[in-house]
């Protein structure tokens, strides 16, 4: 893990980003204090489930909202 000052980061941003892209993790320091960590993206993150998969897991209990609205309107009329 390499340490980079904010000044070095600003002057050599392309080089620093290339290092992170290659897998290097860099610690960024300001006034001698560690303030941030820059590293490669985690490419093996879990993806969010698709909308279709999520919809299949939802169970409807009772009437749908649209049916309740229609029923309510019918009661108001009579």
PDB file of N, CA and C in Angstrom:
ATOM      1  N   UNK A   1       0.855  -1.157   0.000  1.00  0.00           N
ATOM      2  CA  UNK A   1       0.000   0.000   0.000  1.00  0.00           C
ATOM      3  C   UNK A   1       0.912   1.235   0.000  1.00  0.00           C
ATOM      4  N   UNK A   2       0.719   2.074  -0.977  1.00  0.00           N
ATOM      5  CA  UNK A   2       1.545   3.266  -1.139  1.00  0.00           C
ATOM      6  C   UNK A   2       0.825   4.480  -0.577  1.00  0.00           C
ATOM      7  N   UNK A   3       1.590   5.433  -0.050  1.00  0.00           N
ATOM      8  CA  UNK A   3       1.028   6.667   0.489  1.00  0.00           C
ATOM      9  C   UNK A   3       1.273   7.792  -0.497  1.00  0.00           C
ATOM     10  N   UNK A   4       0.243   8.615  -0.716  1.00  0.00           N
ATOM     11  CA  UNK A   4       0.308   9.722  -1.664  1.00  0.00           C
ATOM     12  C   UNK A   4      -0.199  10.976  -0.965  1.00  0.00           C
ATOM     13  N   UNK A   5       0.510  12.079  -1.143  1.00  0.00           N
ATOM     14  CA  UNK A   5       0.027  13.345  -0.585  1.00  0.00           C
ATOM     15  C   UNK A   5      -1.028  13.932  -1.515  1.00  0.00           C
ATOM     16  N   UNK A   6      -1.823  14.828  -0.984  1.00  0.00           N
ATOM     17  CA  UNK A   6      -2.860  15.472  -1.797  1.00  0.00           C
ATOM     18  C   UNK A   6      -2.217  16.222  -2.952  1.00  0.00           C
ATOM     19  N   UNK A   7      -1.085  16.861  -2.670  1.00  0.00           N
ATOM     20  CA  UNK A   7      -0.389  17.613  -3.719  1.00  0.00           C
ATOM     21  C   UNK A   7       0.051  16.686  -4.857  1.00  0.00           C
ATOM     22  N   UNK A   8       0.643  15.542  -4.493  1.00  0.00           N
ATOM     23  CA  UNK A   8       1.067  14.565  -5.502  1.00  0.00           C
ATOM     24  C   UNK A   8      -0.145  14.028  -6.260  1.00  0.00           C
ATOM     25  N   UNK A   9      -1.212  13.823  -5.537  1.00  0.00           N
ATOM     26  CA  UNK A   9      -2.449  13.331  -6.154  1.00  0.00           C
ATOM     27  C   UNK A   9      -2.935  14.303  -7.223  1.00  0.00           C
ATOM     28  N   UNK A  10      -2.937  15.612  -6.869  1.00  0.00           N
ATOM     29  CA  UNK A  10      -3.397  16.617  -7.832  1.00  0.00           C
ATOM     30  C   UNK A  10      -2.488  16.704  -9.053  1.00  0.00           C
ATOM     31  N   UNK A  11      -1.172  16.643  -8.822  1.00  0.00           N
ATOM     32  CA  UNK A  11      -0.255  16.808  -9.945  1.00  0.00           C
ATOM     33  C   UNK A  11      -0.169  15.590 -10.850  1.00  0.00           C
ATOM     34  N   UNK A  12      -0.349  14.407 -10.267  1.00  0.00           N
ATOM     35  CA  UNK A  12      -0.187  13.180 -11.051  1.00  0.00           C
ATOM     36  C   UNK A  12      -1.448  12.321 -10.990  1.00  0.00           C
ATOM     37  N   UNK A  13      -2.601  12.928 -11.154  1.00  0.00           N
ATOM     38  CA  UNK A  13      -3.868  12.204 -11.008  1.00  0.00           C
ATOM     39  C   UNK A  13      -3.970  11.026 -11.975  1.00  0.00           C
ATOM     40  N   UNK A  14      -3.526  11.200 -13.201  1.00  0.00           N
ATOM     41  CA  UNK A  14      -3.610  10.106 -14.185  1.00  0.00           C
ATOM     42  C   UNK A  14      -2.774   8.911 -13.753  1.00  0.00           C
ATOM     43  N   UNK A  15      -1.557   9.176 -13.304  1.00  0.00           N
ATOM     44  CA  UNK A  15      -0.661   8.108 -12.864  1.00  0.00           C
ATOM     45  C   UNK A  15      -1.239   7.388 -11.646  1.00  0.00           C
ATOM     46  N   UNK A  16      -1.775   8.161 -10.697  1.00  0.00           N
ATOM     47  CA  UNK A  16      -2.346   7.574  -9.476  1.00  0.00           C
ATOM     48  C   UNK A  16      -3.546   6.708  -9.823  1.00  0.00           C
ATOM     49  N   UNK A  17      -4.402   7.184 -10.712  1.00  0.00           N
ATOM     50  CA  UNK A  17      -5.576   6.400 -11.111  1.00  0.00           C
ATOM     51  C   UNK A  17      -5.183   5.134 -11.857  1.00  0.00           C
ATOM     52  N   UNK A  18      -4.136   5.212 -12.676  1.00  0.00           N
ATOM     53  CA  UNK A  18      -3.654   4.015 -13.368  1.00  0.00           C
ATOM     54  C   UNK A  18      -3.181   2.961 -12.370  1.00  0.00           C
ATOM     55  N   UNK A  19      -2.485   3.410 -11.317  1.00  0.00           N
ATOM     56  CA  UNK A  19      -2.018   2.471 -10.295  1.00  0.00           C
ATOM     57  C   UNK A  19      -3.201   1.789  -9.610  1.00  0.00           C
ATOM     58  N   UNK A  20      -4.233   2.573  -9.295  1.00  0.00           N
ATOM     59  CA  UNK A  20      -5.428   2.006  -8.662  1.00  0.00           C
ATOM     60  C   UNK A  20      -6.115   1.024  -9.597  1.00  0.00           C
ATOM     61  N   UNK A  21      -6.143   1.365 -10.866  1.00  0.00           N
ATOM     62  CA  UNK A  21      -6.773   0.493 -11.857  1.00  0.00           C
ATOM     63  C   UNK A  21      -6.038  -0.840 -11.972  1.00  0.00           C
ATOM     64  N   UNK A  22      -4.729  -0.807 -11.783  1.00  0.00           N
ATOM     65  CA  UNK A  22      -3.923  -2.024 -11.874  1.00  0.00           C
ATOM     66  C   UNK A  22      -4.001  -2.882 -10.611  1.00  0.00           C
ATOM     67  N   UNK A  23      -4.692  -2.373  -9.576  1.00  0.00           N
ATOM     68  CA  UNK A  23      -4.864  -3.178  -8.378  1.00  0.00           C
ATOM     69  C   UNK A  23      -4.183  -2.626  -7.141  1.00  0.00           C
ATOM     70  N   UNK A  24      -3.434  -1.555  -7.287  1.00  0.00           N
ATOM     71  CA  UNK A  24      -2.730  -0.949  -6.152  1.00  0.00           C
ATOM     72  C   UNK A  24      -3.709  -0.164  -5.277  1.00  0.00           C
ATOM     73  N   UNK A  25      -3.555  -0.276  -3.965  1.00  0.00           N
ATOM     74  CA  UNK A  25      -4.346   0.529  -3.037  1.00  0.00           C
ATOM     75  C   UNK A  25      -3.460   1.647  -2.529  1.00  0.00           C
ATOM     76  N   UNK A  26      -3.952   2.886  -2.621  1.00  0.00           N
ATOM     77  CA  UNK A  26      -3.173   4.052  -2.213  1.00  0.00           C
ATOM     78  C   UNK A  26      -3.860   4.759  -1.058  1.00  0.00           C
ATOM     79  N   UNK A  27      -3.056   5.217  -0.101  1.00  0.00           N
ATOM     80  CA  UNK A  27      -3.568   5.995   1.021  1.00  0.00           C
ATOM     81  C   UNK A  27      -3.237   7.455   0.731  1.00  0.00           C
ATOM     82  N   UNK A  28      -4.239   8.319   0.823  1.00  0.00           N
ATOM     83  CA  UNK A  28      -4.043   9.736   0.543  1.00  0.00           C
ATOM     84  C   UNK A  28      -3.915  10.474   1.871  1.00  0.00           C
ATOM     85  N   UNK A  29      -2.865  11.295   1.968  1.00  0.00           N
ATOM     86  CA  UNK A  29      -2.609  12.035   3.193  1.00  0.00           C
ATOM     87  C   UNK A  29      -2.700  13.536   2.945  1.00  0.00           C
ATOM     88  N   UNK A  30      -3.224  14.245   3.955  1.00  0.00           N
ATOM     89  CA  UNK A  30      -3.238  15.706   3.940  1.00  0.00           C
ATOM     90  C   UNK A  30      -2.671  16.161   5.276  1.00  0.00           C
ATOM     91  N   UNK A  31      -1.667  17.003   5.213  1.00  0.00           N
ATOM     92  CA  UNK A  31      -0.994  17.492   6.422  1.00  0.00           C
ATOM     93  C   UNK A  31      -0.531  16.332   7.309  1.00  0.00           C
ATOM     94  N   UNK A  32      -0.069  15.246   6.685  1.00  0.00           N
ATOM     95  CA  UNK A  32       0.464  14.110   7.427  1.00  0.00           C
ATOM     96  C   UNK A  32      -0.568  13.145   7.981  1.00  0.00           C
ATOM     97  N   UNK A  33      -1.860  13.458   7.805  1.00  0.00           N
ATOM     98  CA  UNK A  33      -2.919  12.584   8.319  1.00  0.00           C
ATOM     99  C   UNK A  33      -3.565  11.822   7.162  1.00  0.00           C
ATOM    100  N   UNK A  34      -3.826  10.538   7.387  1.00  0.00           N
ATOM    101  CA  UNK A  34      -4.511   9.735   6.375  1.00  0.00           C
ATOM    102  C   UNK A  34      -5.961  10.179   6.291  1.00  0.00           C
ATOM    103  N   UNK A  35      -6.411  10.536   5.083  1.00  0.00           N
ATOM    104  CA  UNK A  35      -7.790  11.018   4.936  1.00  0.00           C
ATOM    105  C   UNK A  35      -8.639  10.148   4.019  1.00  0.00           C
ATOM    106  N   UNK A  36      -7.992   9.370   3.154  1.00  0.00           N
ATOM    107  CA  UNK A  36      -8.777   8.561   2.219  1.00  0.00           C
ATOM    108  C   UNK A  36      -7.950   7.383   1.729  1.00  0.00           C
ATOM    109  N   UNK A  37      -8.666   6.425   1.175  1.00  0.00           N
ATOM    110  CA  UNK A  37      -8.033   5.249   0.591  1.00  0.00           C
ATOM    111  C   UNK A  37      -8.584   5.101  -0.821  1.00  0.00           C
ATOM    112  N   UNK A  38      -7.699   4.908  -1.778  1.00  0.00           N
ATOM    113  CA  UNK A  38      -8.094   4.760  -3.168  1.00  0.00           C
ATOM    114  C   UNK A  38      -7.607   3.405  -3.656  1.00  0.00           C
ATOM    115  N   UNK A  39      -8.508   2.644  -4.243  1.00  0.00           N
ATOM    116  CA  UNK A  39      -8.121   1.321  -4.705  1.00  0.00           C
ATOM    117  C   UNK A  39      -8.967   0.862  -5.868  1.00  0.00           C
ATOM    118  N   UNK A  40      -8.695  -0.335  -6.348  1.00  0.00           N
ATOM    119  CA  UNK A  40      -9.439  -0.872  -7.485  1.00  0.00           C
ATOM    120  C   UNK A  40     -10.889  -1.172  -7.100  1.00  0.00           C
ATOM    121  N   UNK A  41     -11.742  -1.148  -8.086  1.00  0.00           N
ATOM    122  CA  UNK A  41     -13.149  -1.480  -7.886  1.00  0.00           C
ATOM    123  C   UNK A  41     -13.275  -2.966  -7.621  1.00  0.00           C
ATOM    124  N   UNK A  42     -14.240  -3.316  -6.776  1.00  0.00           N
ATOM    125  CA  UNK A  42     -14.530  -4.722  -6.509  1.00  0.00           C
ATOM    126  C   UNK A  42     -15.424  -5.223  -7.632  1.00  0.00           C
ATOM    127  N   UNK A  43     -14.844  -5.955  -8.551  1.00  0.00           N
ATOM    128  CA  UNK A  43     -15.601  -6.391  -9.734  1.00  0.00           C
ATOM    129  C   UNK A  43     -16.497  -7.581  -9.458  1.00  0.00           C
ATOM    130  N   UNK A  44     -16.311  -8.221  -8.304  1.00  0.00           N
ATOM    131  CA  UNK A  44     -17.107  -9.399  -7.996  1.00  0.00           C
ATOM    132  C   UNK A  44     -18.248  -9.089  -7.022  1.00  0.00           C
ATOM    133  N   UNK A  45     -18.729  -7.853  -7.059  1.00  0.00           N
ATOM    134  CA  UNK A  45     -19.852  -7.492  -6.198  1.00  0.00           C
ATOM    135  C   UNK A  45     -21.094  -8.252  -6.624  1.00  0.00           C
ATOM    136  N   UNK A  46     -21.944  -8.487  -5.653  1.00  0.00           N
ATOM    137  CA  UNK A  46     -23.214  -9.122  -5.991  1.00  0.00           C
ATOM    138  C   UNK A  46     -24.071  -8.123  -6.745  1.00  0.00           C
ATOM    139  N   UNK A  47     -24.652  -8.566  -7.807  1.00  0.00           N
ATOM    140  CA  UNK A  47     -25.525  -7.701  -8.574  1.00  0.00           C
ATOM    141  C   UNK A  47     -26.900  -7.688  -7.929  1.00  0.00           C
ATOM    142  N   UNK A  48     -27.599  -6.596  -8.112  1.00  0.00           N
ATOM    143  CA  UNK A  48     -28.960  -6.511  -7.611  1.00  0.00           C
ATOM    144  C   UNK A  48     -29.860  -7.443  -8.412  1.00  0.00           C
ATOM    145  N   UNK A  49     -30.858  -8.009  -7.777  1.00  0.00           N
ATOM    146  CA  UNK A  49     -31.755  -8.885  -8.530  1.00  0.00           C
ATOM    147  C   UNK A  49     -32.547  -8.073  -9.551  1.00  0.00           C
ATOM    148  N   UNK A  50     -32.930  -8.732 -10.611  1.00  0.00           N
ATOM    149  CA  UNK A  50     -33.691  -8.026 -11.636  1.00  0.00           C
ATOM    150  C   UNK A  50     -35.081  -7.688 -11.109  1.00  0.00           C
ATOM    151  N   UNK A  51     -35.714  -6.738 -11.726  1.00  0.00           N
ATOM    152  CA  UNK A  51     -37.041  -6.301 -11.324  1.00  0.00           C
ATOM    153  C   UNK A  51     -38.044  -7.450 -11.458  1.00  0.00           C
ATOM    154  N   UNK A  52     -37.896  -8.234 -12.495  1.00  0.00           N
ATOM    155  CA  UNK A  52     -38.805  -9.368 -12.693  1.00  0.00           C
ATOM    156  C   UNK A  52     -38.684 -10.376 -11.556  1.00  0.00           C
ATOM    157  N   UNK A  53     -37.443 -10.659 -11.128  1.00  0.00           N
ATOM    158  CA  UNK A  53     -37.243 -11.591 -10.017  1.00  0.00           C
ATOM    159  C   UNK A  53     -37.882 -11.056  -8.749  1.00  0.00           C
ATOM    160  N   UNK A  54     -37.729  -9.762  -8.510  1.00  0.00           N
ATOM    161  CA  UNK A  54     -38.304  -9.156  -7.317  1.00  0.00           C
ATOM    162  C   UNK A  54     -39.833  -9.227  -7.354  1.00  0.00           C
ATOM    163  N   UNK A  55     -40.420  -8.963  -8.506  1.00  0.00           N
ATOM    164  CA  UNK A  55     -41.879  -8.990  -8.641  1.00  0.00           C
ATOM    165  C   UNK A  55     -42.438 -10.384  -8.365  1.00  0.00           C
ATOM    166  N   UNK A  56     -41.700 -11.416  -8.764  1.00  0.00           N
ATOM    167  CA  UNK A  56     -42.167 -12.786  -8.535  1.00  0.00           C
ATOM    168  C   UNK A  56     -42.214 -13.134  -7.059  1.00  0.00           C
ATOM    169  N   UNK A  57     -41.397 -12.472  -6.256  1.00  0.00           N
ATOM    170  CA  UNK A  57     -41.355 -12.795  -4.832  1.00  0.00           C
ATOM    171  C   UNK A  57     -42.446 -12.088  -4.038  1.00  0.00           C
ATOM    172  N   UNK A  58     -43.100 -11.091  -4.625  1.00  0.00           N
ATOM    173  CA  UNK A  58     -44.127 -10.330  -3.918  1.00  0.00           C
ATOM    174  C   UNK A  58     -45.456 -11.072  -3.993  1.00  0.00           C
ATOM    175  N   UNK A  59     -46.070 -11.250  -2.830  1.00  0.00           N
ATOM    176  CA  UNK A  59     -47.370 -11.902  -2.786  1.00  0.00           C
ATOM    177  C   UNK A  59     -48.430 -10.862  -2.483  1.00  0.00           C
ATOM    178  N   UNK A  60     -49.542 -10.952  -3.188  1.00  0.00           N
ATOM    179  CA  UNK A  60     -50.646 -10.027  -2.984  1.00  0.00           C
ATOM    180  C   UNK A  60     -51.631 -10.654  -2.010  1.00  0.00           C
ATOM    181  N   UNK A  61     -51.880  -9.964  -0.898  1.00  0.00           N
ATOM    182  CA  UNK A  61     -52.842 -10.450   0.090  1.00  0.00           C
ATOM    183  C   UNK A  61     -54.068  -9.551   0.009  1.00  0.00           C
ATOM    184  N   UNK A  62     -55.197 -10.122  -0.251  1.00  0.00           N
ATOM    185  CA  UNK A  62     -56.413  -9.326  -0.362  1.00  0.00           C
ATOM    186  C   UNK A  62     -56.528  -8.684  -1.734  1.00  0.00           C
ATOM    187  N   UNK A  63     -57.302  -7.604  -1.790  1.00  0.00           N
ATOM    188  CA  UNK A  63     -57.514  -6.906  -3.060  1.00  0.00           C
ATOM    189  C   UNK A  63     -56.306  -6.057  -3.426  1.00  0.00           C
ATOM    190  N   UNK A  64     -56.174  -5.799  -4.706  1.00  0.00           N
ATOM    191  CA  UNK A  64     -55.143  -4.885  -5.157  1.00  0.00           C
ATOM    192  C   UNK A  64     -55.606  -3.465  -4.868  1.00  0.00           C
ATOM    193  N   UNK A  65     -54.670  -2.517  -4.887  1.00  0.00           N
ATOM    194  CA  UNK A  65     -55.003  -1.124  -4.627  1.00  0.00           C
ATOM    195  C   UNK A  65     -56.001  -0.609  -5.650  1.00  0.00           C
ATOM    196  N   UNK A  66     -55.803  -0.950  -6.911  1.00  0.00           N
ATOM    197  CA  UNK A  66     -56.728  -0.478  -7.940  1.00  0.00           C
ATOM    198  C   UNK A  66     -58.136  -1.018  -7.708  1.00  0.00           C
ATOM    199  N   UNK A  67     -58.245  -2.264  -7.248  1.00  0.00           N
ATOM    200  CA  UNK A  67     -59.561  -2.839  -6.968  1.00  0.00           C
ATOM    201  C   UNK A  67     -60.218  -2.134  -5.789  1.00  0.00           C
ATOM    202  N   UNK A  68     -59.438  -1.824  -4.744  1.00  0.00           N
ATOM    203  CA  UNK A  68     -59.973  -1.089  -3.592  1.00  0.00           C
ATOM    204  C   UNK A  68     -60.475   0.293  -3.996  1.00  0.00           C
ATOM    205  N   UNK A  69     -59.772   0.951  -4.867  1.00  0.00           N
ATOM    206  CA  UNK A  69     -60.193   2.281  -5.339  1.00  0.00           C
ATOM    207  C   UNK A  69     -61.502   2.175  -6.113  1.00  0.00           C
ATOM    208  N   UNK A  70     -61.580   1.197  -6.998  1.00  0.00           N
ATOM    209  CA  UNK A  70     -62.816   1.010  -7.766  1.00  0.00           C
ATOM    210  C   UNK A  70     -63.992   0.692  -6.851  1.00  0.00           C
ATOM    211  N   UNK A  71     -63.776  -0.181  -5.859  1.00  0.00           N
ATOM    212  CA  UNK A  71     -64.837  -0.509  -4.909  1.00  0.00           C
ATOM    213  C   UNK A  71     -65.274   0.725  -4.130  1.00  0.00           C
ATOM    214  N   UNK A  72     -64.300   1.533  -3.713  1.00  0.00           N
ATOM    215  CA  UNK A  72     -64.609   2.747  -2.951  1.00  0.00           C
ATOM    216  C   UNK A  72     -65.435   3.719  -3.791  1.00  0.00           C
ATOM    217  N   UNK A  73     -65.097   3.861  -5.047  1.00  0.00           N
ATOM    218  CA  UNK A  73     -65.843   4.754  -5.940  1.00  0.00           C
ATOM    219  C   UNK A  73     -67.280   4.261  -6.145  1.00  0.00           C
ATOM    220  N   UNK A  74     -67.419   2.950  -6.265  1.00  0.00           N
ATOM    221  CA  UNK A  74     -68.758   2.404  -6.435  1.00  0.00           C
ATOM    222  C   UNK A  74     -69.623   2.639  -5.198  1.00  0.00           C
ATOM    223  N   UNK A  75     -69.046   2.530  -4.010  1.00  0.00           N
ATOM    224  CA  UNK A  75     -69.790   2.767  -2.771  1.00  0.00           C
ATOM    225  C   UNK A  75     -70.203   4.228  -2.637  1.00  0.00           C
ATOM    226  N   UNK A  76     -69.342   5.143  -3.097  1.00  0.00           N
ATOM    227  CA  UNK A  76     -69.668   6.568  -3.018  1.00  0.00           C
ATOM    228  C   UNK A  76     -70.833   6.933  -3.942  1.00  0.00           C
ATOM    229  N   UNK A  77     -70.955   6.254  -5.037  1.00  0.00           N
ATOM    230  CA  UNK A  77     -72.009   6.571  -6.018  1.00  0.00           C
ATOM    231  C   UNK A  77     -73.382   6.168  -5.505  1.00  0.00           C
ATOM    232  N   UNK A  78     -73.443   5.084  -4.750  1.00  0.00           N
ATOM    233  CA  UNK A  78     -74.759   4.577  -4.358  1.00  0.00           C
ATOM    234  C   UNK A  78     -75.005   4.713  -2.898  1.00  0.00           C
TER     235      UNK A  78
END
